[in-house]
Amino acid sequence: MAVFRARQVARIREAIASGRQAVRRAGTADPRVFARAFVEAGGAQVPGDPSAEASAALGERLLASLAAGDTGSDTDPALNRELQRAHAEAHWALALDDDRIVGFLLDLPAEALETPTVEAMAHQSQGLGPGVFRKADILVLQPECDGARFIPVTDHDIEC
């Protein structure tokens, strides 16, 4: 399975920040708002293919799918990953302004947890508990984590 290279991860991380900022300015968890800013910042990346052409093509497919109201593709895992990212990050962006939410629990599919590096990440602690990441963090998951969800965690959920 192809993975994101270091430069791709950095580009995605920067584009997520741009997308979150656009959502916060708009004040709505609209994945299309996130995706426009994300794609414009070059965040749509094909694992293992850092070419500008691959990125542009994926970005176009993402924007077209969101405009059409598509929820996914049986034949395009890269598109599915970006559709899921657009929806999750749009909600995450608004959570940054919600004082009740302190982080997000990374909920991984069982298949992903079979990989030792993914299992270790799921048990990593940032001071909020195993697998809970601070709400200001920007996580870029590798394709082996496809299907992961982020569950909001409030301060009442954290054990002392």
Protein backbone atom coordinates (compact mmCIF):
# COMPACT_ATOMS: atom_id res chain seq x y z
CA MET A 1 0.00 0.00 0.00
CA ALA A 2 1.36 3.41 -0.96
CA VAL A 3 1.85 5.94 1.83
CA PHE A 4 2.10 9.71 2.03
CA ARG A 5 5.69 10.91 1.85
CA ALA A 6 7.01 13.43 4.39
CA ARG A 7 6.55 16.41 2.06
CA GLN A 8 3.03 15.29 1.26
CA VAL A 9 2.20 15.06 4.97
CA ALA A 10 3.55 18.59 5.50
CA ARG A 11 1.51 19.90 2.58
CA ILE A 12 -1.65 18.20 3.82
CA ARG A 13 -1.10 19.56 7.33
CA GLU A 14 -0.75 23.14 6.03
CA ALA A 15 -3.81 22.73 3.82
CA ILE A 16 -5.87 21.40 6.73
CA ALA A 17 -4.98 24.54 8.68
CA SER A 18 -6.18 26.65 5.73
CA GLY A 19 -9.38 24.64 5.43
CA ARG A 20 -10.12 24.89 9.14
CA GLN A 21 -9.57 28.62 9.04
CA ALA A 22 -12.02 28.96 6.12
CA VAL A 23 -14.67 26.96 7.98
CA ARG A 24 -14.23 29.03 11.13
CA ARG A 25 -14.57 32.26 9.13
CA ALA A 26 -17.71 30.93 7.43
CA GLY A 27 -19.11 29.72 10.76
CA THR A 28 -20.57 26.59 9.22
CA ALA A 29 -19.40 22.97 9.14
CA ASP A 30 -19.80 22.82 5.36
CA PRO A 31 -17.30 20.34 3.90
CA ARG A 32 -17.35 22.29 0.61
CA VAL A 33 -15.95 25.36 2.39
CA PHE A 34 -13.18 23.23 3.88
CA ALA A 35 -12.47 21.46 0.58
CA ARG A 36 -12.16 24.64 -1.49
CA ALA A 37 -9.51 26.08 0.84
CA PHE A 38 -7.84 22.67 1.28
CA VAL A 39 -7.56 22.06 -2.47
CA GLU A 40 -6.42 25.63 -3.15
CA ALA A 41 -3.59 25.09 -0.63
CA GLY A 42 -2.53 21.88 -2.41
CA GLY A 43 -3.73 19.50 0.26
CA ALA A 44 -5.30 16.88 -2.00
CA GLN A 45 -2.49 14.35 -2.26
CA VAL A 46 -2.30 10.88 -3.79
CA PRO A 47 -0.30 8.52 -1.55
CA GLY A 48 3.15 7.98 -3.02
CA ASP A 49 2.55 10.33 -5.98
CA PRO A 50 3.68 13.87 -5.10
CA SER A 51 3.11 15.18 -8.64
CA ALA A 52 1.17 18.39 -9.10
CA GLU A 53 -0.96 16.68 -11.77
CA ALA A 54 -2.12 13.91 -9.43
CA SER A 55 -2.87 16.45 -6.70
CA ALA A 56 -4.85 18.71 -9.06
CA ALA A 57 -6.86 15.81 -10.47
CA LEU A 58 -7.75 14.53 -6.99
CA GLY A 59 -8.70 18.05 -5.89
CA GLU A 60 -11.02 18.45 -8.89
CA ARG A 61 -12.68 15.09 -8.17
CA LEU A 62 -13.14 16.08 -4.52
CA LEU A 63 -14.77 19.41 -5.31
CA ALA A 64 -16.99 17.88 -8.00
CA SER A 65 -18.10 15.07 -5.68
CA LEU A 66 -18.97 17.46 -2.87
CA ALA A 67 -20.86 19.74 -5.27
CA ALA A 68 -22.85 16.74 -6.53
CA GLY A 69 -23.57 15.51 -3.00
CA ASP A 70 -21.72 12.24 -3.56
CA THR A 71 -20.81 10.29 -0.45
CA GLY A 72 -18.06 8.11 -1.88
CA SER A 73 -16.75 5.90 -4.63
CA ASP A 74 -16.31 2.14 -4.77
CA THR A 75 -13.31 2.50 -7.07
CA ASP A 76 -11.46 5.57 -5.80
CA PRO A 77 -10.00 5.18 -2.29
CA ALA A 78 -8.07 8.47 -2.59
CA LEU A 79 -11.33 10.33 -3.25
CA ASN A 80 -13.07 8.54 -0.38
CA ARG A 81 -10.22 9.52 1.96
CA GLU A 82 -10.53 13.18 0.98
CA LEU A 83 -14.33 13.19 1.21
CA GLN A 84 -14.08 11.76 4.71
CA ARG A 85 -11.38 14.31 5.59
CA ALA A 86 -13.51 17.23 4.33
CA HIS A 87 -16.48 16.18 6.47
CA ALA A 88 -14.43 15.39 9.59
CA GLU A 89 -12.25 18.50 9.41
CA ALA A 90 -15.21 20.84 8.84
CA HIS A 91 -16.70 19.64 12.14
CA TRP A 92 -13.30 19.64 13.86
CA ALA A 93 -12.77 23.27 12.82
CA LEU A 94 -15.92 24.44 14.58
CA ALA A 95 -14.97 22.40 17.66
CA LEU A 96 -11.95 24.68 18.07
CA ASP A 97 -14.35 27.37 19.31
CA ASP A 98 -16.35 25.04 21.56
CA ASP A 99 -14.94 25.26 25.09
CA ARG A 100 -16.66 22.02 26.10
CA ILE A 101 -14.59 19.96 23.63
CA VAL A 102 -10.99 19.32 24.68
CA GLY A 103 -9.96 16.78 22.08
CA PHE A 104 -10.86 13.95 19.76
CA LEU A 105 -10.65 10.20 20.28
CA LEU A 106 -9.15 8.41 17.31
CA ASP A 107 -11.46 5.49 16.54
CA LEU A 108 -9.72 3.15 14.10
CA PRO A 109 -11.15 0.22 12.14
CA ALA A 110 -10.08 -3.23 13.35
CA GLU A 111 -8.04 -3.87 10.20
CA ALA A 112 -5.93 -0.76 10.82
CA LEU A 113 -5.20 -1.83 14.39
CA GLU A 114 -3.49 -4.95 13.07
CA THR A 115 -0.58 -2.74 11.96
CA PRO A 116 1.90 -2.24 14.85
CA THR A 117 2.54 1.46 14.13
CA VAL A 118 -1.18 2.20 13.95
CA GLU A 119 -1.88 0.26 17.12
CA ALA A 120 0.84 2.24 18.91
CA MET A 121 -0.68 5.52 17.70
CA ALA A 122 -4.11 4.45 18.97
CA HIS A 123 -2.66 4.00 22.46
CA GLN A 124 -0.52 7.14 22.43
CA SER A 125 -1.36 9.60 25.19
CA GLN A 126 -1.21 13.37 24.87
CA GLY A 127 -2.25 13.87 28.49
CA LEU A 128 -5.94 13.40 27.74
CA GLY A 129 -5.96 9.62 27.68
CA PRO A 130 -4.96 6.91 25.22
CA GLY A 131 -5.84 7.76 21.62
CA VAL A 132 -7.21 11.22 22.47
CA PHE A 133 -5.62 14.09 20.59
CA ARG A 134 -5.90 17.74 21.52
CA LYS A 135 -8.42 19.67 19.49
CA ALA A 136 -5.79 22.05 18.11
CA ASP A 137 -3.72 19.15 16.73
CA ILE A 138 -3.65 18.50 13.01
CA LEU A 139 -3.44 14.78 12.32
CA VAL A 140 -2.53 13.40 8.93
CA LEU A 141 -3.29 9.72 8.91
CA GLN A 142 -1.69 7.32 6.46
CA PRO A 143 -3.95 5.37 4.06
CA GLU A 144 -3.75 2.30 6.29
CA CYS A 145 -6.00 4.25 8.68
CA ASP A 146 -8.79 4.74 6.14
CA GLY A 147 -12.16 4.52 7.83
CA ALA A 148 -10.94 6.14 11.05
CA ARG A 149 -13.33 8.43 12.89
CA PHE A 150 -12.69 11.24 15.34
CA ILE A 151 -15.06 11.32 18.30
CA PRO A 152 -15.29 14.60 20.25
CA VAL A 153 -14.19 14.35 23.88
CA THR A 154 -15.37 16.84 26.49
CA ASP A 155 -13.66 17.78 29.73
CA HIS A 156 -16.28 15.68 31.53
CA ASP A 157 -15.11 12.61 29.60
CA ILE A 158 -11.53 12.94 30.85
CA GLU A 159 -10.69 10.99 33.99
CA CYS A 160 -8.48 12.68 36.55
